[in-house]
Amino acid sequence: MTPRPPPYVHALVGAHTVRQARQTHAGILAALRDHADTRLDCAGVTEADLSLIQIVLAAHDSAAAAGRSFVLHAPPPPPVRDALQRGGFANDGSANPAEWRGHSPKPGGRA
């Protein structure tokens, strides 16, 4: 049996708002395409809005639909928690985006 490779950690640094959404999406999409088990490190995020939350939720759904894993590397930092709160999402500090909505993703989601 071949050992499973360690999770790939994709780090976000700086602002991740609608202005950076295209780059944020492209980076996360590449990580999902290239790795079966991806962890998103948001510790370096200094500013976030709902575009980041939408990208992360869509990425989580896409990964689940493809039989892959995508979760945060650690509980969300304050800028991400604040964006979750502004968007009305559950925010108990979970690193699993499915828990932000209070349910598991629907099959067939897309990033």
C-alpha atoms as a PDB file:
ATOM      1  CA  MET A   1       0.000   0.000   0.000  1.00  0.00           C
ATOM      2  CA  THR A   2       1.421   3.398  -1.006  1.00  0.00           C
ATOM      3  CA  PRO A   3       1.518   5.906   1.833  1.00  0.00           C
ATOM      4  CA  ARG A   4      -0.766   8.868   1.383  1.00  0.00           C
ATOM      5  CA  PRO A   5       1.130  12.124   0.753  1.00  0.00           C
ATOM      6  CA  PRO A   6       0.821  14.831   3.390  1.00  0.00           C
ATOM      7  CA  PRO A   7      -1.802  17.525   2.814  1.00  0.00           C
ATOM      8  CA  TYR A   8      -0.799  20.430   0.616  1.00  0.00           C
ATOM      9  CA  VAL A   9      -1.001  23.766   2.441  1.00  0.00           C
ATOM     10  CA  HIS A  10      -2.058  26.716   0.286  1.00  0.00           C
ATOM     11  CA  ALA A  11      -1.309  29.989   2.104  1.00  0.00           C
ATOM     12  CA  LEU A  12      -3.230  33.220   1.653  1.00  0.00           C
ATOM     13  CA  VAL A  13      -1.460  36.432   2.628  1.00  0.00           C
ATOM     14  CA  GLY A  14      -2.707  40.023   2.687  1.00  0.00           C
ATOM     15  CA  ALA A  15      -6.095  41.275   1.573  1.00  0.00           C
ATOM     16  CA  HIS A  16      -8.578  38.843   0.022  1.00  0.00           C
ATOM     17  CA  THR A  17     -11.546  40.926  -1.006  1.00  0.00           C
ATOM     18  CA  VAL A  18     -13.502  41.332  -4.222  1.00  0.00           C
ATOM     19  CA  ARG A  19     -10.493  43.204  -5.653  1.00  0.00           C
ATOM     20  CA  GLN A  20      -8.324  40.082  -5.324  1.00  0.00           C
ATOM     21  CA  ALA A  21     -11.093  37.537  -5.974  1.00  0.00           C
ATOM     22  CA  ARG A  22      -9.825  36.457  -9.392  1.00  0.00           C
ATOM     23  CA  GLN A  23      -6.328  35.724  -8.052  1.00  0.00           C
ATOM     24  CA  THR A  24      -7.670  34.091  -4.888  1.00  0.00           C
ATOM     25  CA  HIS A  25      -9.951  31.846  -6.920  1.00  0.00           C
ATOM     26  CA  ALA A  26      -7.209  30.913  -9.403  1.00  0.00           C
ATOM     27  CA  GLY A  27      -4.774  29.950  -6.634  1.00  0.00           C
ATOM     28  CA  ILE A  28      -7.285  27.836  -4.744  1.00  0.00           C
ATOM     29  CA  LEU A  29      -8.533  26.205  -7.944  1.00  0.00           C
ATOM     30  CA  ALA A  30      -4.965  25.229  -8.902  1.00  0.00           C
ATOM     31  CA  ALA A  31      -4.382  23.759  -5.437  1.00  0.00           C
ATOM     32  CA  LEU A  32      -7.576  21.706  -5.703  1.00  0.00           C
ATOM     33  CA  ARG A  33      -6.682  20.507  -9.180  1.00  0.00           C
ATOM     34  CA  ASP A  34      -3.155  19.452  -8.211  1.00  0.00           C
ATOM     35  CA  HIS A  35      -3.702  17.976  -4.721  1.00  0.00           C
ATOM     36  CA  ALA A  36      -6.166  15.455  -3.300  1.00  0.00           C
ATOM     37  CA  ASP A  37      -5.857  16.878   0.217  1.00  0.00           C
ATOM     38  CA  THR A  38      -5.588  20.669   0.490  1.00  0.00           C
ATOM     39  CA  ARG A  39      -5.418  22.799   3.613  1.00  0.00           C
ATOM     40  CA  LEU A  40      -6.029  26.546   3.279  1.00  0.00           C
ATOM     41  CA  ASP A  41      -3.804  28.603   5.567  1.00  0.00           C
ATOM     42  CA  CYS A  42      -5.541  31.928   6.209  1.00  0.00           C
ATOM     43  CA  ALA A  43      -3.283  33.057   9.070  1.00  0.00           C
ATOM     44  CA  GLY A  44      -1.753  35.765   6.874  1.00  0.00           C
ATOM     45  CA  VAL A  45      -5.085  37.225   5.737  1.00  0.00           C
ATOM     46  CA  THR A  46      -5.261  40.877   6.788  1.00  0.00           C
ATOM     47  CA  GLU A  47      -8.595  41.750   5.168  1.00  0.00           C
ATOM     48  CA  ALA A  48     -11.463  39.583   3.955  1.00  0.00           C
ATOM     49  CA  ASP A  49     -14.957  40.030   2.621  1.00  0.00           C
ATOM     50  CA  LEU A  50     -17.731  37.748   1.437  1.00  0.00           C
ATOM     51  CA  SER A  51     -15.974  37.054  -1.857  1.00  0.00           C
ATOM     52  CA  LEU A  52     -13.361  35.034   0.053  1.00  0.00           C
ATOM     53  CA  ILE A  53     -16.079  33.197   1.970  1.00  0.00           C
ATOM     54  CA  GLN A  54     -17.897  32.353  -1.275  1.00  0.00           C
ATOM     55  CA  ILE A  55     -14.694  31.107  -2.911  1.00  0.00           C
ATOM     56  CA  VAL A  56     -13.825  28.931   0.084  1.00  0.00           C
ATOM     57  CA  LEU A  57     -17.328  27.448   0.311  1.00  0.00           C
ATOM     58  CA  ALA A  58     -17.425  26.722  -3.431  1.00  0.00           C
ATOM     59  CA  ALA A  59     -13.947  25.168  -3.261  1.00  0.00           C
ATOM     60  CA  HIS A  60     -15.020  22.982  -0.365  1.00  0.00           C
ATOM     61  CA  ASP A  61     -18.093  21.818  -2.287  1.00  0.00           C
ATOM     62  CA  SER A  62     -16.047  21.131  -5.438  1.00  0.00           C
ATOM     63  CA  ALA A  63     -13.464  19.159  -3.500  1.00  0.00           C
ATOM     64  CA  ALA A  64     -16.150  17.080  -1.783  1.00  0.00           C
ATOM     65  CA  ALA A  65     -17.872  16.359  -5.117  1.00  0.00           C
ATOM     66  CA  ALA A  66     -14.534  15.162  -6.527  1.00  0.00           C
ATOM     67  CA  GLY A  67     -13.750  12.979  -3.505  1.00  0.00           C
ATOM     68  CA  ARG A  68     -11.036  15.368  -2.338  1.00  0.00           C
ATOM     69  CA  SER A  69     -10.446  17.155   0.942  1.00  0.00           C
ATOM     70  CA  PHE A  70     -10.411  20.941   1.408  1.00  0.00           C
ATOM     71  CA  VAL A  71     -10.498  22.542   4.847  1.00  0.00           C
ATOM     72  CA  LEU A  72      -8.765  25.388   6.614  1.00  0.00           C
ATOM     73  CA  HIS A  73      -5.338  24.632   8.061  1.00  0.00           C
ATOM     74  CA  ALA A  74      -6.429  26.207  11.368  1.00  0.00           C
ATOM     75  CA  PRO A  75      -9.489  28.016  12.706  1.00  0.00           C
ATOM     76  CA  PRO A  76     -10.197  31.209  10.749  1.00  0.00           C
ATOM     77  CA  PRO A  77      -8.250  34.300  11.848  1.00  0.00           C
ATOM     78  CA  PRO A  78     -10.085  37.485  12.931  1.00  0.00           C
ATOM     79  CA  PRO A  79     -10.502  39.044   9.443  1.00  0.00           C
ATOM     80  CA  VAL A  80     -12.088  35.829   8.118  1.00  0.00           C
ATOM     81  CA  ARG A  81     -14.224  35.368  11.255  1.00  0.00           C
ATOM     82  CA  ASP A  82     -15.435  38.971  10.857  1.00  0.00           C
ATOM     83  CA  ALA A  83     -16.399  38.319   7.210  1.00  0.00           C
ATOM     84  CA  LEU A  84     -18.268  35.179   8.278  1.00  0.00           C
ATOM     85  CA  GLN A  85     -20.139  37.149  10.923  1.00  0.00           C
ATOM     86  CA  ARG A  86     -21.014  39.967   8.498  1.00  0.00           C
ATOM     87  CA  GLY A  87     -22.373  37.347   6.085  1.00  0.00           C
ATOM     88  CA  GLY A  88     -24.522  35.701   8.738  1.00  0.00           C
ATOM     89  CA  PHE A  89     -22.627  32.406   8.659  1.00  0.00           C
ATOM     90  CA  ALA A  90     -22.189  30.145  11.668  1.00  0.00           C
ATOM     91  CA  ASN A  91     -18.850  30.968  13.191  1.00  0.00           C
ATOM     92  CA  ASP A  92     -17.777  28.762  16.038  1.00  0.00           C
ATOM     93  CA  GLY A  93     -14.147  28.919  14.919  1.00  0.00           C
ATOM     94  CA  SER A  94     -14.399  25.753  12.839  1.00  0.00           C
ATOM     95  CA  ALA A  95     -11.746  25.050  10.217  1.00  0.00           C
ATOM     96  CA  ASN A  96     -14.324  23.029   8.233  1.00  0.00           C
ATOM     97  CA  PRO A  97     -16.211  25.292   5.801  1.00  0.00           C
ATOM     98  CA  ALA A  98     -19.202  22.902   5.778  1.00  0.00           C
ATOM     99  CA  GLU A  99     -19.819  23.837   9.395  1.00  0.00           C
ATOM    100  CA  TRP A 100     -19.999  27.544   8.523  1.00  0.00           C
ATOM    101  CA  ARG A 101     -23.339  26.863   6.836  1.00  0.00           C
ATOM    102  CA  GLY A 102     -24.445  24.377   9.427  1.00  0.00           C
ATOM    103  CA  HIS A 103     -24.682  21.482   6.945  1.00  0.00           C
ATOM    104  CA  SER A 104     -22.645  19.352   4.577  1.00  0.00           C
ATOM    105  CA  PRO A 105     -22.135  20.425   0.958  1.00  0.00           C
ATOM    106  CA  LYS A 106     -24.483  19.285  -1.768  1.00  0.00           C
ATOM    107  CA  PRO A 107     -22.944  16.923  -4.321  1.00  0.00           C
ATOM    108  CA  GLY A 108     -21.934  18.551  -7.574  1.00  0.00           C
ATOM    109  CA  GLY A 109     -20.688  21.859  -6.108  1.00  0.00           C
ATOM    110  CA  ARG A 110     -18.156  23.838  -8.123  1.00  0.00           C
ATOM    111  CA  ALA A 111     -15.309  26.196  -7.253  1.00  0.00           C
END
